[in-house]
Amino acid sequence: MGRRRRLIALLAALALAACLGAPDAEPAADASVAPTSTERPTPQSTPRPTPSTRPTHEPAEAPTPSPEFGTAPVGPTGAAIVLSITDGDTIRVDRGHGSEPVRYIGMNTPEVGDPGGAEATAENARLVEGMEVVLERDVRDTDDFGRLLRYVWIDTGGAWTFVNLELVRRGFAEAATYPPDVRYADVFLAAEQAARTAEVGLWAPTPEPVETTPAPAANCHPSYEPCLPIVSDLDCPDVRAMGLAPVDVIGPDDYRLDGDHDGIGCE
């Protein structure tokens, strides 16, 4: 009888423990109430640029420097062939329709026959004779004599030779300003000043004259002036007959013409 009671008590305790430990059933969700989301939004990552989309920074190109004024033509130009050299500042050219005279602008050389004229003409020929040149116009087309007024250039391939300026720079010409054609007037004046300072060409110092004693004329006695012939003997009547008396005795008196030794014979 006691064993049975203990068994009943044990079963009752187990049943009570089972009732206390079981969780309550969750009530059914109300379909009319929207469930609240507890998920956090996923942060959006910013895409890094790929090498193909990464901005590039190209180095800026350096500006091409402008040529120094007076080293290349800046006005209207045309090509021509040099046919002949007139003098230091004038040539004849063919622009495709016959021979025409061209007068260089901005400078002047001596005329042929004047000191320096032959040298200027020769230098002009050395620079342009037979060459293809570029003629640059300033304001006027021709002068009062119908000559083309031009600056003359030679294209040497990558550089220019300014013929007008070269003649001034080397001392064969001087700057000469004739308005309104004055585009390079300051360039010519500076070149002339440099040539003067360097004492070249027209500006070279004039050599001092060298005094020389003229050689006696052939068959003239060196002791007498005017010339008396060299003979074995000569006296004053002979000198007077020749119309040469009186004579200056400037050396040994071989003819004994200066009796009173005053330096004058046959007085």
Protein backbone atom coordinates (compact mmCIF):
# COMPACT_ATOMS: atom_id res chain seq x y z
CA MET A 1 0.00 0.00 0.00
CA GLY A 2 2.80 2.43 0.79
CA ARG A 3 4.65 1.60 -2.39
CA ARG A 4 1.62 2.41 -4.45
CA ARG A 5 1.27 5.83 -2.84
CA ARG A 6 4.84 6.69 -3.52
CA LEU A 7 4.42 5.78 -7.17
CA ILE A 8 1.32 7.97 -7.48
CA ALA A 9 3.12 10.85 -5.80
CA LEU A 10 6.08 10.51 -8.19
CA LEU A 11 3.80 10.54 -11.23
CA ALA A 12 1.99 13.60 -9.91
CA ALA A 13 5.29 15.44 -9.41
CA LEU A 14 6.42 14.63 -12.95
CA ALA A 15 3.10 15.85 -14.36
CA LEU A 16 3.35 19.13 -12.42
CA ALA A 17 6.90 19.64 -13.58
CA ALA A 18 5.87 19.09 -17.19
CA CYS A 19 3.09 21.66 -16.90
CA LEU A 20 5.37 24.32 -15.36
CA GLY A 21 8.23 23.87 -17.90
CA ALA A 22 6.25 23.92 -21.20
CA PRO A 23 6.16 27.38 -22.94
CA ASP A 24 2.90 29.08 -23.63
CA ALA A 25 1.70 28.79 -27.21
CA GLU A 26 2.11 32.03 -29.19
CA PRO A 27 -1.17 33.47 -30.30
CA ALA A 28 -1.85 33.36 -34.07
CA ALA A 29 -0.65 36.45 -35.90
CA ASP A 30 -3.31 38.94 -36.83
CA ALA A 31 -3.37 39.08 -40.63
CA SER A 32 -4.56 42.71 -40.50
CA VAL A 33 -1.39 43.94 -38.75
CA ALA A 34 1.68 44.24 -40.98
CA PRO A 35 4.77 42.72 -39.48
CA THR A 36 7.44 45.14 -38.44
CA SER A 37 10.74 44.44 -40.18
CA THR A 38 13.75 44.42 -37.94
CA GLU A 39 16.28 44.13 -40.80
CA ARG A 40 18.72 47.07 -41.17
CA PRO A 41 19.28 48.47 -44.67
CA THR A 42 22.46 47.31 -46.32
CA PRO A 43 24.72 50.34 -46.95
CA GLN A 44 25.45 50.92 -50.64
CA SER A 45 29.16 50.98 -51.40
CA THR A 46 30.51 53.69 -53.78
CA PRO A 47 32.22 52.02 -56.73
CA ARG A 48 35.83 52.95 -57.20
CA PRO A 49 36.77 54.16 -60.67
CA THR A 50 38.41 51.58 -62.83
CA PRO A 51 41.63 52.51 -64.69
CA SER A 52 39.59 53.02 -67.86
CA THR A 53 37.28 55.55 -66.19
CA ARG A 54 39.88 57.25 -63.98
CA PRO A 55 40.38 60.89 -65.10
CA THR A 56 43.73 61.58 -66.71
CA HIS A 57 45.69 64.81 -66.44
CA GLU A 58 47.64 65.39 -69.66
CA PRO A 59 50.43 67.98 -69.38
CA ALA A 60 49.52 71.20 -71.13
CA GLU A 61 51.49 71.89 -74.28
CA ALA A 62 53.91 74.80 -73.98
CA PRO A 63 52.95 77.65 -76.33
CA THR A 64 55.18 78.03 -79.38
CA PRO A 65 57.26 81.20 -78.91
CA SER A 66 56.77 83.88 -81.53
CA PRO A 67 59.87 84.65 -83.63
CA GLU A 68 61.80 87.72 -82.61
CA PHE A 69 60.73 90.77 -84.59
CA GLY A 70 63.01 91.23 -87.57
CA THR A 71 63.90 87.54 -87.93
CA ALA A 72 61.02 86.52 -90.22
CA PRO A 73 58.58 88.29 -92.56
CA VAL A 74 55.40 89.62 -90.97
CA GLY A 75 53.77 91.44 -93.89
CA PRO A 76 52.44 90.40 -97.31
CA THR A 77 55.04 88.41 -99.25
CA GLY A 78 55.69 86.98 -102.69
CA ALA A 79 58.44 84.89 -104.26
CA ALA A 80 60.82 86.06 -107.00
CA ILE A 81 64.03 85.09 -108.77
CA VAL A 82 66.92 87.56 -108.75
CA LEU A 83 67.97 88.32 -112.33
CA SER A 84 70.73 90.89 -111.81
CA ILE A 85 72.39 93.23 -109.30
CA THR A 86 72.15 96.95 -110.00
CA ASP A 87 74.04 98.24 -106.96
CA GLY A 88 74.14 97.73 -103.21
CA ASP A 89 70.43 98.41 -102.61
CA THR A 90 68.76 97.70 -105.97
CA ILE A 91 68.21 94.47 -107.91
CA ARG A 92 66.10 93.22 -110.79
CA VAL A 93 63.78 90.26 -110.23
CA ASP A 94 61.24 88.11 -112.03
CA ARG A 95 57.97 87.46 -110.16
CA GLY A 96 56.59 85.51 -113.06
CA HIS A 97 55.83 88.35 -115.46
CA GLY A 98 59.18 89.74 -116.57
CA SER A 99 62.06 91.78 -115.19
CA GLU A 100 61.24 94.38 -112.53
CA PRO A 101 63.48 96.65 -110.43
CA VAL A 102 63.37 96.30 -106.64
CA ARG A 103 64.61 99.00 -104.26
CA TYR A 104 65.44 97.77 -100.76
CA ILE A 105 63.46 99.54 -98.01
CA GLY A 106 64.92 101.02 -94.85
CA MET A 107 68.56 101.34 -95.86
CA ASN A 108 70.88 103.01 -98.33
CA THR A 109 74.27 102.11 -99.80
CA PRO A 110 76.83 104.35 -101.54
CA GLU A 111 76.36 104.82 -105.27
CA VAL A 112 78.58 102.96 -107.69
CA GLY A 113 81.71 105.06 -108.08
CA ASP A 114 81.51 106.53 -104.56
CA PRO A 115 83.68 105.20 -101.73
CA GLY A 116 82.12 101.95 -100.51
CA GLY A 117 79.82 101.61 -103.52
CA ALA A 118 81.73 98.81 -105.23
CA GLU A 119 82.03 96.88 -101.97
CA ALA A 120 78.29 97.19 -101.24
CA THR A 121 77.39 96.02 -104.75
CA ALA A 122 79.70 93.02 -104.43
CA GLU A 123 78.23 92.07 -101.04
CA ASN A 124 74.68 92.38 -102.37
CA ALA A 125 75.61 90.08 -105.24
CA ARG A 126 77.19 87.60 -102.86
CA LEU A 127 73.96 87.46 -100.84
CA VAL A 128 71.26 87.25 -103.54
CA GLU A 129 72.61 86.85 -107.07
CA GLY A 130 70.63 84.12 -108.87
CA MET A 131 68.73 83.25 -105.68
CA GLU A 132 65.04 82.70 -105.09
CA VAL A 133 63.99 85.39 -102.63
CA VAL A 134 60.87 86.40 -100.73
CA LEU A 135 59.75 90.01 -101.18
CA GLU A 136 57.87 91.57 -98.26
CA ARG A 137 55.80 94.69 -98.85
CA ASP A 138 55.31 97.49 -96.32
CA VAL A 139 52.86 100.31 -97.17
CA ARG A 140 53.74 101.54 -100.66
CA ASP A 141 54.09 99.23 -103.63
CA THR A 142 56.48 101.35 -105.73
CA ASP A 143 58.54 104.52 -105.44
CA ASP A 144 58.47 107.58 -107.70
CA PHE A 145 60.74 105.79 -110.19
CA GLY A 146 58.45 102.78 -110.55
CA ARG A 147 60.71 100.47 -108.54
CA LEU A 148 59.11 97.90 -106.23
CA LEU A 149 59.70 98.81 -102.59
CA ARG A 150 60.45 95.64 -100.67
CA TYR A 151 62.18 93.95 -97.78
CA VAL A 152 64.15 91.04 -99.24
CA TRP A 153 64.38 87.69 -97.43
CA ILE A 154 66.05 84.36 -98.14
CA ASP A 155 64.49 81.21 -96.69
CA THR A 156 67.46 79.09 -95.60
CA GLY A 157 65.30 76.26 -94.26
CA GLY A 158 64.25 76.78 -90.66
CA ALA A 159 65.65 80.30 -90.57
CA TRP A 160 65.56 83.53 -92.58
CA THR A 161 68.28 85.84 -93.89
CA PHE A 162 67.06 89.45 -93.93
CA VAL A 163 69.13 90.90 -96.79
CA ASN A 164 68.37 94.57 -96.08
CA LEU A 165 69.39 94.10 -92.46
CA GLU A 166 72.52 92.06 -93.27
CA LEU A 167 73.90 94.87 -95.45
CA VAL A 168 73.41 97.35 -92.60
CA ARG A 169 74.73 94.96 -89.95
CA ARG A 170 77.92 94.27 -91.93
CA GLY A 171 78.58 97.97 -92.49
CA PHE A 172 77.87 98.12 -96.23
CA ALA A 173 74.75 100.31 -95.79
CA GLU A 174 73.29 102.85 -93.40
CA ALA A 175 69.76 102.97 -92.03
CA ALA A 176 67.50 105.29 -94.04
CA THR A 177 63.90 105.90 -92.99
CA TYR A 178 61.36 106.87 -95.66
CA PRO A 179 57.82 107.09 -94.19
CA PRO A 180 55.36 105.48 -94.40
CA ASP A 181 57.52 102.36 -94.97
CA VAL A 182 59.01 102.17 -91.48
CA ARG A 183 58.12 98.65 -90.25
CA TYR A 184 61.70 97.71 -89.33
CA ALA A 185 63.13 101.22 -88.78
CA ASP A 186 64.18 100.54 -85.18
CA VAL A 187 65.81 97.25 -86.18
CA PHE A 188 67.89 98.97 -88.89
CA LEU A 189 68.94 101.81 -86.57
CA ALA A 190 70.10 99.34 -83.91
CA ALA A 191 72.08 97.37 -86.52
CA GLU A 192 73.77 100.53 -87.80
CA GLN A 193 74.75 101.55 -84.28
CA ALA A 194 76.27 98.11 -83.70
CA ALA A 195 78.24 98.37 -86.97
CA ARG A 196 79.50 101.82 -86.01
CA THR A 197 80.60 100.53 -82.62
CA ALA A 198 82.39 97.59 -84.24
CA GLU A 199 83.93 99.96 -86.84
CA VAL A 200 83.14 97.70 -89.80
CA GLY A 201 82.57 98.56 -93.45
CA LEU A 202 81.62 102.21 -93.94
CA TRP A 203 82.41 102.88 -90.29
CA ALA A 204 85.99 101.53 -90.35
CA PRO A 205 88.55 104.18 -89.36
CA THR A 206 90.29 105.92 -92.26
CA PRO A 207 93.96 104.93 -92.33
CA GLU A 208 96.46 107.70 -91.79
CA PRO A 209 98.21 108.74 -95.01
CA VAL A 210 101.77 107.52 -95.25
CA GLU A 211 104.27 110.16 -96.35
CA THR A 212 106.68 108.90 -98.96
CA THR A 213 109.52 110.60 -100.76
CA PRO A 214 108.87 110.40 -104.46
CA ALA A 215 111.56 108.66 -106.43
CA PRO A 216 113.49 110.95 -108.74
CA ALA A 217 112.37 110.95 -112.33
CA ALA A 218 114.43 108.95 -114.74
CA ASN A 219 117.60 110.76 -115.94
CA CYS A 220 117.09 113.59 -113.41
CA HIS A 221 119.95 114.70 -111.20
CA PRO A 222 118.76 114.21 -107.60
CA SER A 223 120.48 117.40 -106.36
CA TYR A 224 118.41 119.86 -108.35
CA GLU A 225 114.80 120.97 -108.62
CA PRO A 226 113.31 121.24 -111.14
CA CYS A 227 114.77 118.26 -112.92
CA LEU A 228 118.14 118.78 -114.55
CA PRO A 229 119.46 116.03 -116.82
CA ILE A 230 122.36 113.92 -115.70
CA VAL A 231 125.25 114.93 -117.93
CA SER A 232 128.99 115.27 -117.59
CA ASP A 233 128.75 119.01 -117.08
CA LEU A 234 126.10 121.73 -117.04
CA ASP A 235 126.37 125.42 -116.39
CA CYS A 236 123.90 128.25 -115.77
CA PRO A 237 123.72 129.45 -119.41
CA ASP A 238 122.64 125.90 -120.32
CA VAL A 239 120.07 125.91 -117.49
CA ARG A 240 118.70 129.27 -118.57
CA ALA A 241 118.52 128.09 -122.17
CA MET A 242 116.34 125.19 -121.01
CA GLY A 243 114.07 127.68 -119.19
CA LEU A 244 114.70 126.01 -115.81
CA ALA A 245 116.59 128.77 -113.94
CA PRO A 246 116.71 129.36 -111.07
CA VAL A 247 116.99 125.89 -109.52
CA ASP A 248 116.95 124.70 -105.94
CA VAL A 249 120.12 122.95 -104.92
CA ILE A 250 119.06 120.20 -102.52
CA GLY A 251 122.14 118.01 -102.63
CA PRO A 252 125.77 118.06 -103.66
CA ASP A 253 126.22 120.84 -106.22
CA ASP A 254 127.99 118.73 -108.86
CA TYR A 255 127.31 121.32 -111.58
CA ARG A 256 128.60 124.24 -109.41
CA LEU A 257 125.45 126.28 -110.05
CA ASP A 258 125.16 127.78 -106.54
CA GLY A 259 128.12 130.16 -106.41
CA ASP A 260 127.09 131.93 -103.22
CA HIS A 261 125.99 128.74 -101.47
CA ASP A 262 122.51 130.04 -100.60
CA GLY A 263 120.76 126.94 -101.92
CA ILE A 264 119.63 128.57 -105.15
CA GLY A 265 121.54 128.13 -108.37
CA CYS A 266 121.59 130.23 -111.53
CA GLU A 267 119.90 133.24 -109.93
